[in-house]
PDB file of N, CA and C in Angstrom:
ATOM      1  N   ASP A   1     -23.393 -19.762 -52.585  1.00  0.00           N
ATOM      2  CA  ASP A   1     -23.638 -19.035 -53.819  1.00  0.00           C
ATOM      3  C   ASP A   1     -22.760 -19.620 -54.925  1.00  0.00           C
ATOM      4  N   THR A   2     -23.398 -20.067 -55.996  1.00  0.00           N
ATOM      5  CA  THR A   2     -22.706 -20.710 -57.112  1.00  0.00           C
ATOM      6  C   THR A   2     -21.716 -19.780 -57.788  1.00  0.00           C
ATOM      7  N   SER A   3     -22.093 -18.534 -57.945  1.00  0.00           N
ATOM      8  CA  SER A   3     -21.217 -17.569 -58.595  1.00  0.00           C
ATOM      9  C   SER A   3     -19.906 -17.401 -57.825  1.00  0.00           C
ATOM     10  N   ALA A   4     -19.986 -17.304 -56.521  1.00  0.00           N
ATOM     11  CA  ALA A   4     -18.780 -17.161 -55.694  1.00  0.00           C
ATOM     12  C   ALA A   4     -17.927 -18.417 -55.764  1.00  0.00           C
ATOM     13  N   ALA A   5     -18.575 -19.579 -55.761  1.00  0.00           N
ATOM     14  CA  ALA A   5     -17.837 -20.842 -55.831  1.00  0.00           C
ATOM     15  C   ALA A   5     -17.080 -20.949 -57.153  1.00  0.00           C
ATOM     16  N   PHE A   6     -17.750 -20.623 -58.255  1.00  0.00           N
ATOM     17  CA  PHE A   6     -17.081 -20.664 -59.551  1.00  0.00           C
ATOM     18  C   PHE A   6     -15.991 -19.603 -59.635  1.00  0.00           C
ATOM     19  N   GLY A   7     -16.200 -18.458 -59.010  1.00  0.00           N
ATOM     20  CA  GLY A   7     -15.174 -17.418 -58.982  1.00  0.00           C
ATOM     21  C   GLY A   7     -13.911 -17.905 -58.293  1.00  0.00           C
ATOM     22  N   LYS A   8     -14.080 -18.634 -57.201  1.00  0.00           N
ATOM     23  CA  LYS A   8     -12.917 -19.184 -56.494  1.00  0.00           C
ATOM     24  C   LYS A   8     -12.202 -20.210 -57.371  1.00  0.00           C
ATOM     25  N   LEU A   9     -12.961 -21.118 -57.997  1.00  0.00           N
ATOM     26  CA  LEU A   9     -12.353 -22.131 -58.866  1.00  0.00           C
ATOM     27  C   LEU A   9     -11.610 -21.466 -60.021  1.00  0.00           C
ATOM     28  N   HIS A  10     -12.215 -20.450 -60.601  1.00  0.00           N
ATOM     29  CA  HIS A  10     -11.587 -19.700 -61.694  1.00  0.00           C
ATOM     30  C   HIS A  10     -10.241 -19.147 -61.248  1.00  0.00           C
ATOM     31  N   SER A  11     -10.217 -18.537 -60.089  1.00  0.00           N
ATOM     32  CA  SER A  11      -8.990 -17.933 -59.568  1.00  0.00           C
ATOM     33  C   SER A  11      -7.917 -18.979 -59.281  1.00  0.00           C
ATOM     34  N   VAL A  12      -8.305 -20.092 -58.681  1.00  0.00           N
ATOM     35  CA  VAL A  12      -7.347 -21.157 -58.370  1.00  0.00           C
ATOM     36  C   VAL A  12      -6.767 -21.737 -59.659  1.00  0.00           C
ATOM     37  N   LEU A  13      -7.622 -21.958 -60.661  1.00  0.00           N
ATOM     38  CA  LEU A  13      -7.141 -22.502 -61.934  1.00  0.00           C
ATOM     39  C   LEU A  13      -6.206 -21.519 -62.619  1.00  0.00           C
ATOM     40  N   GLN A  14      -6.565 -20.260 -62.633  1.00  0.00           N
ATOM     41  CA  GLN A  14      -5.704 -19.266 -63.273  1.00  0.00           C
ATOM     42  C   GLN A  14      -4.340 -19.211 -62.595  1.00  0.00           C
ATOM     43  N   THR A  15      -4.305 -19.229 -61.283  1.00  0.00           N
ATOM     44  CA  THR A  15      -3.045 -19.198 -60.541  1.00  0.00           C
ATOM     45  C   THR A  15      -2.193 -20.419 -60.863  1.00  0.00           C
ATOM     46  N   ALA A  16      -2.825 -21.586 -60.916  1.00  0.00           N
ATOM     47  CA  ALA A  16      -2.084 -22.821 -61.210  1.00  0.00           C
ATOM     48  C   ALA A  16      -1.521 -22.815 -62.627  1.00  0.00           C
ATOM     49  N   ILE A  17      -2.296 -22.353 -63.583  1.00  0.00           N
ATOM     50  CA  ILE A  17      -1.826 -22.274 -64.975  1.00  0.00           C
ATOM     51  C   ILE A  17      -0.655 -21.297 -65.069  1.00  0.00           C
ATOM     52  N   ASP A  18      -0.805 -20.133 -64.455  1.00  0.00           N
ATOM     53  CA  ASP A  18       0.251 -19.117 -64.496  1.00  0.00           C
ATOM     54  C   ASP A  18       1.539 -19.624 -63.847  1.00  0.00           C
ATOM     55  N   ALA A  19       1.421 -20.402 -62.785  1.00  0.00           N
ATOM     56  CA  ALA A  19       2.593 -20.921 -62.075  1.00  0.00           C
ATOM     57  C   ALA A  19       3.409 -21.875 -62.948  1.00  0.00           C
ATOM     58  N   GLU A  20       2.753 -22.612 -63.818  1.00  0.00           N
ATOM     59  CA  GLU A  20       3.461 -23.556 -64.688  1.00  0.00           C
ATOM     60  C   GLU A  20       4.171 -22.847 -65.828  1.00  0.00           C
ATOM     61  N   GLY A  21       3.603 -21.781 -66.346  1.00  0.00           N
ATOM     62  CA  GLY A  21       4.234 -20.994 -67.392  1.00  0.00           C
ATOM     63  C   GLY A  21       4.417 -21.709 -68.718  1.00  0.00           C
ATOM     64  N   LEU A  22       3.711 -22.793 -68.951  1.00  0.00           N
ATOM     65  CA  LEU A  22       3.874 -23.546 -70.199  1.00  0.00           C
ATOM     66  C   LEU A  22       2.894 -23.144 -71.284  1.00  0.00           C
ATOM     67  N   PHE A  23       1.804 -22.549 -70.877  1.00  0.00           N
ATOM     68  CA  PHE A  23       0.777 -22.252 -71.856  1.00  0.00           C
ATOM     69  C   PHE A  23       0.110 -20.927 -71.540  1.00  0.00           C
ATOM     70  N   SER A  24      -0.483 -20.362 -72.569  1.00  0.00           N
ATOM     71  CA  SER A  24      -1.241 -19.136 -72.366  1.00  0.00           C
ATOM     72  C   SER A  24      -2.714 -19.515 -72.374  1.00  0.00           C
ATOM     73  N   HIS A  25      -3.531 -18.652 -71.834  1.00  0.00           N
ATOM     74  CA  HIS A  25      -4.935 -19.003 -71.693  1.00  0.00           C
ATOM     75  C   HIS A  25      -5.804 -17.772 -71.757  1.00  0.00           C
ATOM     76  N   SER A  26      -7.052 -18.019 -72.011  1.00  0.00           N
ATOM     77  CA  SER A  26      -8.053 -16.969 -71.874  1.00  0.00           C
ATOM     78  C   SER A  26      -9.245 -17.594 -71.186  1.00  0.00           C
ATOM     79  N   ALA A  27      -9.762 -16.910 -70.219  1.00  0.00           N
ATOM     80  CA  ALA A  27     -10.903 -17.418 -69.456  1.00  0.00           C
ATOM     81  C   ALA A  27     -12.167 -17.264 -70.283  1.00  0.00           C
ATOM     82  N   ALA A  28     -13.056 -18.203 -70.073  1.00  0.00           N
ATOM     83  CA  ALA A  28     -14.369 -18.083 -70.697  1.00  0.00           C
ATOM     84  C   ALA A  28     -15.096 -16.903 -70.064  1.00  0.00           C
ATOM     85  N   HIS A  29     -15.809 -16.185 -70.858  1.00  0.00           N
ATOM     86  CA  HIS A  29     -16.552 -15.043 -70.349  1.00  0.00           C
ATOM     87  C   HIS A  29     -18.033 -15.380 -70.359  1.00  0.00           C
ATOM     88  N   PHE A  30     -18.839 -14.449 -70.065  1.00  0.00           N
ATOM     89  CA  PHE A  30     -20.289 -14.581 -70.028  1.00  0.00           C
ATOM     90  C   PHE A  30     -20.737 -15.804 -69.236  1.00  0.00           C
ATOM     91  N   GLY A  31     -20.149 -15.968 -68.033  1.00  0.00           N
ATOM     92  CA  GLY A  31     -20.598 -17.022 -67.133  1.00  0.00           C
ATOM     93  C   GLY A  31     -20.032 -18.393 -67.417  1.00  0.00           C
ATOM     94  N   GLY A  32     -19.068 -18.479 -68.310  1.00  0.00           N
ATOM     95  CA  GLY A  32     -18.489 -19.775 -68.642  1.00  0.00           C
ATOM     96  C   GLY A  32     -17.688 -20.361 -67.497  1.00  0.00           C
ATOM     97  N   THR A  33     -17.424 -21.639 -67.584  1.00  0.00           N
ATOM     98  CA  THR A  33     -16.671 -22.329 -66.537  1.00  0.00           C
ATOM     99  C   THR A  33     -15.503 -23.114 -67.128  1.00  0.00           C
ATOM    100  N   SER A  34     -14.825 -22.485 -68.064  1.00  0.00           N
ATOM    101  CA  SER A  34     -13.669 -23.149 -68.660  1.00  0.00           C
ATOM    102  C   SER A  34     -12.651 -22.115 -69.122  1.00  0.00           C
ATOM    103  N   PHE A  35     -11.461 -22.613 -69.382  1.00  0.00           N
ATOM    104  CA  PHE A  35     -10.394 -21.814 -69.960  1.00  0.00           C
ATOM    105  C   PHE A  35     -10.037 -22.416 -71.304  1.00  0.00           C
ATOM    106  N   TRP A  36      -9.825 -21.568 -72.301  1.00  0.00           N
ATOM    107  CA  TRP A  36      -9.220 -21.999 -73.551  1.00  0.00           C
ATOM    108  C   TRP A  36      -7.725 -21.832 -73.379  1.00  0.00           C
ATOM    109  N   VAL A  37      -6.987 -22.860 -73.689  1.00  0.00           N
ATOM    110  CA  VAL A  37      -5.547 -22.847 -73.473  1.00  0.00           C
ATOM    111  C   VAL A  37      -4.841 -23.063 -74.799  1.00  0.00           C
ATOM    112  N   SER A  38      -3.793 -22.281 -75.005  1.00  0.00           N
ATOM    113  CA  SER A  38      -2.951 -22.421 -76.180  1.00  0.00           C
ATOM    114  C   SER A  38      -1.602 -22.954 -75.717  1.00  0.00           C
ATOM    115  N   GLY A  39      -1.278 -24.153 -76.138  1.00  0.00           N
ATOM    116  CA  GLY A  39       0.012 -24.741 -75.813  1.00  0.00           C
ATOM    117  C   GLY A  39       1.055 -24.318 -76.830  1.00  0.00           C
ATOM    118  N   PRO A  40       2.284 -24.775 -76.641  1.00  0.00           N
ATOM    119  CA  PRO A  40       3.348 -24.478 -77.602  1.00  0.00           C
ATOM    120  C   PRO A  40       2.971 -24.977 -79.008  1.00  0.00           C
ATOM    121  N   ASP A  41       3.570 -24.395 -80.020  1.00  0.00           N
ATOM    122  CA  ASP A  41       3.246 -24.757 -81.402  1.00  0.00           C
ATOM    123  C   ASP A  41       3.438 -26.242 -81.698  1.00  0.00           C
ATOM    124  N   TRP A  42       4.384 -26.878 -81.030  1.00  0.00           N
ATOM    125  CA  TRP A  42       4.678 -28.288 -81.300  1.00  0.00           C
ATOM    126  C   TRP A  42       3.664 -29.238 -80.667  1.00  0.00           C
ATOM    127  N   LEU A  43       2.786 -28.733 -79.822  1.00  0.00           N
ATOM    128  CA  LEU A  43       1.871 -29.583 -79.063  1.00  0.00           C
ATOM    129  C   LEU A  43       0.715 -30.086 -79.912  1.00  0.00           C
ATOM    130  N   ASP A  44       0.425 -31.371 -79.798  1.00  0.00           N
ATOM    131  CA  ASP A  44      -0.796 -31.960 -80.347  1.00  0.00           C
ATOM    132  C   ASP A  44      -1.692 -32.257 -79.147  1.00  0.00           C
ATOM    133  N   SER A  45      -2.712 -31.456 -78.947  1.00  0.00           N
ATOM    134  CA  SER A  45      -3.550 -31.590 -77.753  1.00  0.00           C
ATOM    135  C   SER A  45      -4.338 -32.897 -77.730  1.00  0.00           C
ATOM    136  N   ARG A  46      -4.508 -33.545 -78.883  1.00  0.00           N
ATOM    137  CA  ARG A  46      -5.178 -34.846 -78.898  1.00  0.00           C
ATOM    138  C   ARG A  46      -4.322 -35.881 -78.182  1.00  0.00           C
ATOM    139  N   ILE A  47      -3.026 -35.828 -78.435  1.00  0.00           N
ATOM    140  CA  ILE A  47      -2.098 -36.745 -77.757  1.00  0.00           C
ATOM    141  C   ILE A  47      -1.983 -36.368 -76.289  1.00  0.00           C
ATOM    142  N   LEU A  48      -1.917 -35.076 -76.011  1.00  0.00           N
ATOM    143  CA  LEU A  48      -1.854 -34.624 -74.623  1.00  0.00           C
ATOM    144  C   LEU A  48      -3.080 -35.095 -73.848  1.00  0.00           C
ATOM    145  N   ALA A  49      -4.253 -35.013 -74.445  1.00  0.00           N
ATOM    146  CA  ALA A  49      -5.479 -35.439 -73.764  1.00  0.00           C
ATOM    147  C   ALA A  49      -5.400 -36.913 -73.378  1.00  0.00           C
ATOM    148  N   GLU A  50      -4.866 -37.738 -74.270  1.00  0.00           N
ATOM    149  CA  GLU A  50      -4.714 -39.176 -73.974  1.00  0.00           C
ATOM    150  C   GLU A  50      -3.733 -39.400 -72.837  1.00  0.00           C
ATOM    151  N   ARG A  51      -2.585 -38.747 -72.914  1.00  0.00           N
ATOM    152  CA  ARG A  51      -1.553 -38.906 -71.879  1.00  0.00           C
ATOM    153  C   ARG A  51      -2.032 -38.380 -70.531  1.00  0.00           C
ATOM    154  N   ALA A  52      -2.660 -37.225 -70.554  1.00  0.00           N
ATOM    155  CA  ALA A  52      -3.135 -36.623 -69.311  1.00  0.00           C
ATOM    156  C   ALA A  52      -4.198 -37.506 -68.653  1.00  0.00           C
ATOM    157  N   MET A  53      -5.060 -38.105 -69.467  1.00  0.00           N
ATOM    158  CA  MET A  53      -6.089 -38.981 -68.923  1.00  0.00           C
ATOM    159  C   MET A  53      -5.460 -40.157 -68.168  1.00  0.00           C
ATOM    160  N   GLN A  54      -4.351 -40.670 -68.676  1.00  0.00           N
ATOM    161  CA  GLN A  54      -3.637 -41.749 -67.988  1.00  0.00           C
ATOM    162  C   GLN A  54      -3.123 -41.295 -66.627  1.00  0.00           C
ATOM    163  N   ASP A  55      -2.901 -39.981 -66.480  1.00  0.00           N
ATOM    164  CA  ASP A  55      -2.441 -39.409 -65.217  1.00  0.00           C
ATOM    165  C   ASP A  55      -3.593 -38.840 -64.391  1.00  0.00           C
ATOM    166  N   GLY A  56      -4.818 -39.128 -64.798  1.00  0.00           N
ATOM    167  CA  GLY A  56      -5.980 -38.711 -64.031  1.00  0.00           C
ATOM    168  C   GLY A  56      -6.453 -37.294 -64.265  1.00  0.00           C
ATOM    169  N   VAL A  57      -6.045 -36.684 -65.388  1.00  0.00           N
ATOM    170  CA  VAL A  57      -6.445 -35.309 -65.701  1.00  0.00           C
ATOM    171  C   VAL A  57      -7.211 -35.321 -67.022  1.00  0.00           C
ATOM    172  N   LEU A  58      -8.375 -34.702 -67.020  1.00  0.00           N
ATOM    173  CA  LEU A  58      -9.188 -34.657 -68.229  1.00  0.00           C
ATOM    174  C   LEU A  58      -9.148 -33.268 -68.844  1.00  0.00           C
ATOM    175  N   ILE A  59      -8.816 -33.225 -70.121  1.00  0.00           N
ATOM    176  CA  ILE A  59      -8.884 -31.981 -70.894  1.00  0.00           C
ATOM    177  C   ILE A  59      -9.658 -32.287 -72.162  1.00  0.00           C
ATOM    178  N   GLU A  60     -10.077 -31.251 -72.844  1.00  0.00           N
ATOM    179  CA  GLU A  60     -10.786 -31.425 -74.098  1.00  0.00           C
ATOM    180  C   GLU A  60      -9.941 -30.841 -75.221  1.00  0.00           C
ATOM    181  N   ALA A  61      -9.467 -31.701 -76.115  1.00  0.00           N
ATOM    182  CA  ALA A  61      -8.677 -31.237 -77.256  1.00  0.00           C
ATOM    183  C   ALA A  61      -9.511 -30.231 -78.054  1.00  0.00           C
ATOM    184  N   GLY A  62      -8.868 -29.182 -78.518  1.00  0.00           N
ATOM    185  CA  GLY A  62      -9.596 -28.081 -79.147  1.00  0.00           C
ATOM    186  C   GLY A  62      -9.802 -28.190 -80.639  1.00  0.00           C
ATOM    187  N   ASP A  63      -9.177 -29.154 -81.284  1.00  0.00           N
ATOM    188  CA  ASP A  63      -9.266 -29.212 -82.743  1.00  0.00           C
ATOM    189  C   ASP A  63     -10.702 -29.352 -83.250  1.00  0.00           C
ATOM    190  N   VAL A  64     -11.571 -29.976 -82.473  1.00  0.00           N
ATOM    191  CA  VAL A  64     -12.950 -30.186 -82.912  1.00  0.00           C
ATOM    192  C   VAL A  64     -13.764 -28.897 -82.960  1.00  0.00           C
ATOM    193  N   PHE A  65     -13.237 -27.823 -82.402  1.00  0.00           N
ATOM    194  CA  PHE A  65     -13.943 -26.549 -82.385  1.00  0.00           C
ATOM    195  C   PHE A  65     -13.528 -25.629 -83.530  1.00  0.00           C
ATOM    196  N   PHE A  66     -12.644 -26.112 -84.397  1.00  0.00           N
ATOM    197  CA  PHE A  66     -12.151 -25.331 -85.522  1.00  0.00           C
ATOM    198  C   PHE A  66     -12.545 -26.010 -86.828  1.00  0.00           C
ATOM    199  N   ASP A  67     -12.405 -25.262 -87.916  1.00  0.00           N
ATOM    200  CA  ASP A  67     -12.606 -25.822 -89.240  1.00  0.00           C
ATOM    201  C   ASP A  67     -11.617 -26.959 -89.439  1.00  0.00           C
ATOM    202  N   ARG A  68     -12.070 -28.076 -89.922  1.00  0.00           N
ATOM    203  CA  ARG A  68     -11.209 -29.263 -90.042  1.00  0.00           C
ATOM    204  C   ARG A  68      -9.957 -29.038 -90.882  1.00  0.00           C
ATOM    205  N   ASP A  69     -10.061 -28.232 -91.906  1.00  0.00           N
ATOM    206  CA  ASP A  69      -8.915 -28.027 -92.791  1.00  0.00           C
ATOM    207  C   ASP A  69      -7.832 -27.147 -92.181  1.00  0.00           C
ATOM    208  N   THR A  70      -8.204 -26.326 -91.224  1.00  0.00           N
ATOM    209  CA  THR A  70      -7.234 -25.389 -90.655  1.00  0.00           C
ATOM    210  C   THR A  70      -7.133 -25.493 -89.136  1.00  0.00           C
ATOM    211  N   SER A  71      -7.582 -26.582 -88.573  1.00  0.00           N
ATOM    212  CA  SER A  71      -7.642 -26.665 -87.117  1.00  0.00           C
ATOM    213  C   SER A  71      -6.256 -26.751 -86.491  1.00  0.00           C
ATOM    214  N   PRO A  72      -5.946 -25.790 -85.605  1.00  0.00           N
ATOM    215  CA  PRO A  72      -4.676 -25.861 -84.880  1.00  0.00           C
ATOM    216  C   PRO A  72      -4.771 -26.979 -83.839  1.00  0.00           C
ATOM    217  N   LEU A  73      -3.692 -27.679 -83.630  1.00  0.00           N
ATOM    218  CA  LEU A  73      -3.712 -28.820 -82.722  1.00  0.00           C
ATOM    219  C   LEU A  73      -3.231 -28.487 -81.320  1.00  0.00           C
ATOM    220  N   ASN A  74      -2.745 -27.287 -81.111  1.00  0.00           N
ATOM    221  CA  ASN A  74      -2.160 -26.955 -79.814  1.00  0.00           C
ATOM    222  C   ASN A  74      -3.140 -26.296 -78.838  1.00  0.00           C
ATOM    223  N   TYR A  75      -4.414 -26.221 -79.190  1.00  0.00           N
ATOM    224  CA  TYR A  75      -5.413 -25.634 -78.305  1.00  0.00           C
ATOM    225  C   TYR A  75      -6.184 -26.723 -77.569  1.00  0.00           C
ATOM    226  N   PHE A  76      -6.539 -26.422 -76.317  1.00  0.00           N
ATOM    227  CA  PHE A  76      -7.408 -27.326 -75.563  1.00  0.00           C
ATOM    228  C   PHE A  76      -8.208 -26.531 -74.554  1.00  0.00           C
ATOM    229  N   ARG A  77      -9.194 -27.199 -73.984  1.00  0.00           N
ATOM    230  CA  ARG A  77     -10.083 -26.542 -73.043  1.00  0.00           C
ATOM    231  C   ARG A  77     -10.006 -27.235 -71.688  1.00  0.00           C
ATOM    232  N   LEU A  78      -9.957 -26.430 -70.644  1.00  0.00           N
ATOM    233  CA  LEU A  78      -9.972 -26.905 -69.262  1.00  0.00           C
ATOM    234  C   LEU A  78     -11.243 -26.397 -68.604  1.00  0.00           C
ATOM    235  N   SER A  79     -12.031 -27.292 -68.094  1.00  0.00           N
ATOM    236  CA  SER A  79     -13.238 -26.902 -67.380  1.00  0.00           C
ATOM    237  C   SER A  79     -12.997 -27.001 -65.879  1.00  0.00           C
ATOM    238  N   TYR A  80     -13.636 -26.128 -65.133  1.00  0.00           N
ATOM    239  CA  TYR A  80     -13.474 -26.170 -63.684  1.00  0.00           C
ATOM    240  C   TYR A  80     -14.801 -26.302 -62.947  1.00  0.00           C
ATOM    241  N   SER A  81     -15.835 -26.694 -63.634  1.00  0.00           N
ATOM    242  CA  SER A  81     -17.153 -26.770 -62.999  1.00  0.00           C
ATOM    243  C   SER A  81     -17.360 -28.037 -62.179  1.00  0.00           C
ATOM    244  N   ALA A  82     -16.526 -29.046 -62.369  1.00  0.00           N
ATOM    245  CA  ALA A  82     -16.764 -30.326 -61.697  1.00  0.00           C
ATOM    246  C   ALA A  82     -15.547 -30.804 -60.897  1.00  0.00           C
ATOM    247  N   ILE A  83     -14.755 -29.886 -60.385  1.00  0.00           N
ATOM    248  CA  ILE A  83     -13.570 -30.263 -59.622  1.00  0.00           C
ATOM    249  C   ILE A  83     -13.464 -29.356 -58.398  1.00  0.00           C
ATOM    250  N   SER A  84     -12.959 -29.902 -57.320  1.00  0.00           N
ATOM    251  CA  SER A  84     -12.790 -29.081 -56.122  1.00  0.00           C
ATOM    252  C   SER A  84     -11.500 -28.274 -56.236  1.00  0.00           C
ATOM    253  N   ALA A  85     -11.499 -27.121 -55.620  1.00  0.00           N
ATOM    254  CA  ALA A  85     -10.371 -26.201 -55.706  1.00  0.00           C
ATOM    255  C   ALA A  85      -9.067 -26.827 -55.231  1.00  0.00           C
ATOM    256  N   ASP A  86      -9.133 -27.681 -54.233  1.00  0.00           N
ATOM    257  CA  ASP A  86      -7.910 -28.270 -53.693  1.00  0.00           C
ATOM    258  C   ASP A  86      -7.256 -29.272 -54.641  1.00  0.00           C
ATOM    259  N   ARG A  87      -7.970 -29.739 -55.647  1.00  0.00           N
ATOM    260  CA  ARG A  87      -7.409 -30.690 -56.614  1.00  0.00           C
ATOM    261  C   ARG A  87      -6.822 -30.015 -57.851  1.00  0.00           C
ATOM    262  N   ILE A  88      -7.124 -28.749 -58.045  1.00  0.00           N
ATOM    263  CA  ILE A  88      -6.700 -28.056 -59.264  1.00  0.00           C
ATOM    264  C   ILE A  88      -5.184 -27.923 -59.386  1.00  0.00           C
ATOM    265  N   PRO A  89      -4.458 -27.429 -58.381  1.00  0.00           N
ATOM    266  CA  PRO A  89      -3.010 -27.262 -58.564  1.00  0.00           C
ATOM    267  C   PRO A  89      -2.290 -28.574 -58.923  1.00  0.00           C
ATOM    268  N   ASP A  90      -2.656 -29.664 -58.267  1.00  0.00           N
ATOM    269  CA  ASP A  90      -2.029 -30.949 -58.584  1.00  0.00           C
ATOM    270  C   ASP A  90      -2.388 -31.388 -60.006  1.00  0.00           C
ATOM    271  N   GLY A  91      -3.625 -31.170 -60.405  1.00  0.00           N
ATOM    272  CA  GLY A  91      -4.036 -31.541 -61.763  1.00  0.00           C
ATOM    273  C   GLY A  91      -3.274 -30.762 -62.817  1.00  0.00           C
ATOM    274  N   ILE A  92      -3.081 -29.480 -62.599  1.00  0.00           N
ATOM    275  CA  ILE A  92      -2.324 -28.663 -63.555  1.00  0.00           C
ATOM    276  C   ILE A  92      -0.858 -29.086 -63.565  1.00  0.00           C
ATOM    277  N   ALA A  93      -0.310 -29.413 -62.409  1.00  0.00           N
ATOM    278  CA  ALA A  93       1.078 -29.903 -62.352  1.00  0.00           C
ATOM    279  C   ALA A  93       1.209 -31.210 -63.131  1.00  0.00           C
ATOM    280  N   ARG A  94       0.239 -32.089 -62.994  1.00  0.00           N
ATOM    281  CA  ARG A  94       0.260 -33.358 -63.757  1.00  0.00           C
ATOM    282  C   ARG A  94       0.137 -33.097 -65.257  1.00  0.00           C
ATOM    283  N   LEU A  95      -0.747 -32.174 -65.611  1.00  0.00           N
ATOM    284  CA  LEU A  95      -0.914 -31.824 -67.018  1.00  0.00           C
ATOM    285  C   LEU A  95       0.378 -31.262 -67.591  1.00  0.00           C
ATOM    286  N   ALA A  96       1.026 -30.385 -66.854  1.00  0.00           N
ATOM    287  CA  ALA A  96       2.293 -29.805 -67.303  1.00  0.00           C
ATOM    288  C   ALA A  96       3.366 -30.882 -67.436  1.00  0.00           C
ATOM    289  N   ALA A  97       3.404 -31.831 -66.519  1.00  0.00           N
ATOM    290  CA  ALA A  97       4.368 -32.926 -66.616  1.00  0.00           C
ATOM    291  C   ALA A  97       4.105 -33.774 -67.851  1.00  0.00           C
ATOM    292  N   SER A  98       2.843 -34.038 -68.121  1.00  0.00           N
ATOM    293  CA  SER A  98       2.485 -34.789 -69.339  1.00  0.00           C
ATOM    294  C   SER A  98       2.928 -34.036 -70.587  1.00  0.00           C
ATOM    295  N   MET A  99       2.750 -32.721 -70.573  1.00  0.00           N
ATOM    296  CA  MET A  99       3.143 -31.915 -71.729  1.00  0.00           C
ATOM    297  C   MET A  99       4.669 -31.926 -71.902  1.00  0.00           C
ATOM    298  N   ARG A 100       5.385 -31.812 -70.813  1.00  0.00           N
ATOM    299  CA  ARG A 100       6.856 -31.819 -70.904  1.00  0.00           C
ATOM    300  C   ARG A 100       7.367 -33.128 -71.504  1.00  0.00           C
ATOM    301  N   LYS A 101       6.722 -34.226 -71.204  1.00  0.00           N
ATOM    302  CA  LYS A 101       7.127 -35.534 -71.747  1.00  0.00           C
ATOM    303  C   LYS A 101       6.921 -35.605 -73.256  1.00  0.00           C
ATOM    304  N   LEU A 102       6.005 -34.798 -73.781  1.00  0.00           N
ATOM    305  CA  LEU A 102       5.735 -34.806 -75.214  1.00  0.00           C
ATOM    306  C   LEU A 102       6.644 -33.879 -76.001  1.00  0.00           C
ATOM    307  N   LYS A 103       7.367 -33.014 -75.312  1.00  0.00           N
ATOM    308  CA  LYS A 103       8.190 -32.019 -76.010  1.00  0.00           C
ATOM    309  C   LYS A 103       9.243 -32.714 -76.869  1.00  0.00           C
ATOM    310  N   PRO A 104       9.308 -32.304 -78.137  1.00  0.00           N
ATOM    311  CA  PRO A 104      10.289 -32.946 -79.034  1.00  0.00           C
ATOM    312  C   PRO A 104      11.733 -32.611 -78.658  1.00  0.00           C
TER     313      PRO A 104
END
């Protein structure tokens, strides 16, 4: 059952994000398969996306979803529809390590 599978992925991702404690998040509702994440104010998610990709983690910088003149740079999106549950905790740990390296 797809719904149960996505429910498990959602739970694993939420647990991994909460364990790192670096960012806040809100889960997509209405059947979505992603989390919107708010990083620290100093974070530029465009740079984080580049760094994380080098470490094998893909995120989507959130600035493109806002008005260009007022787009916050510390938001990004994490999708869980195309990853196995056993890879999520390591991916979030890598993402958090990439973020820590960017901290001013």
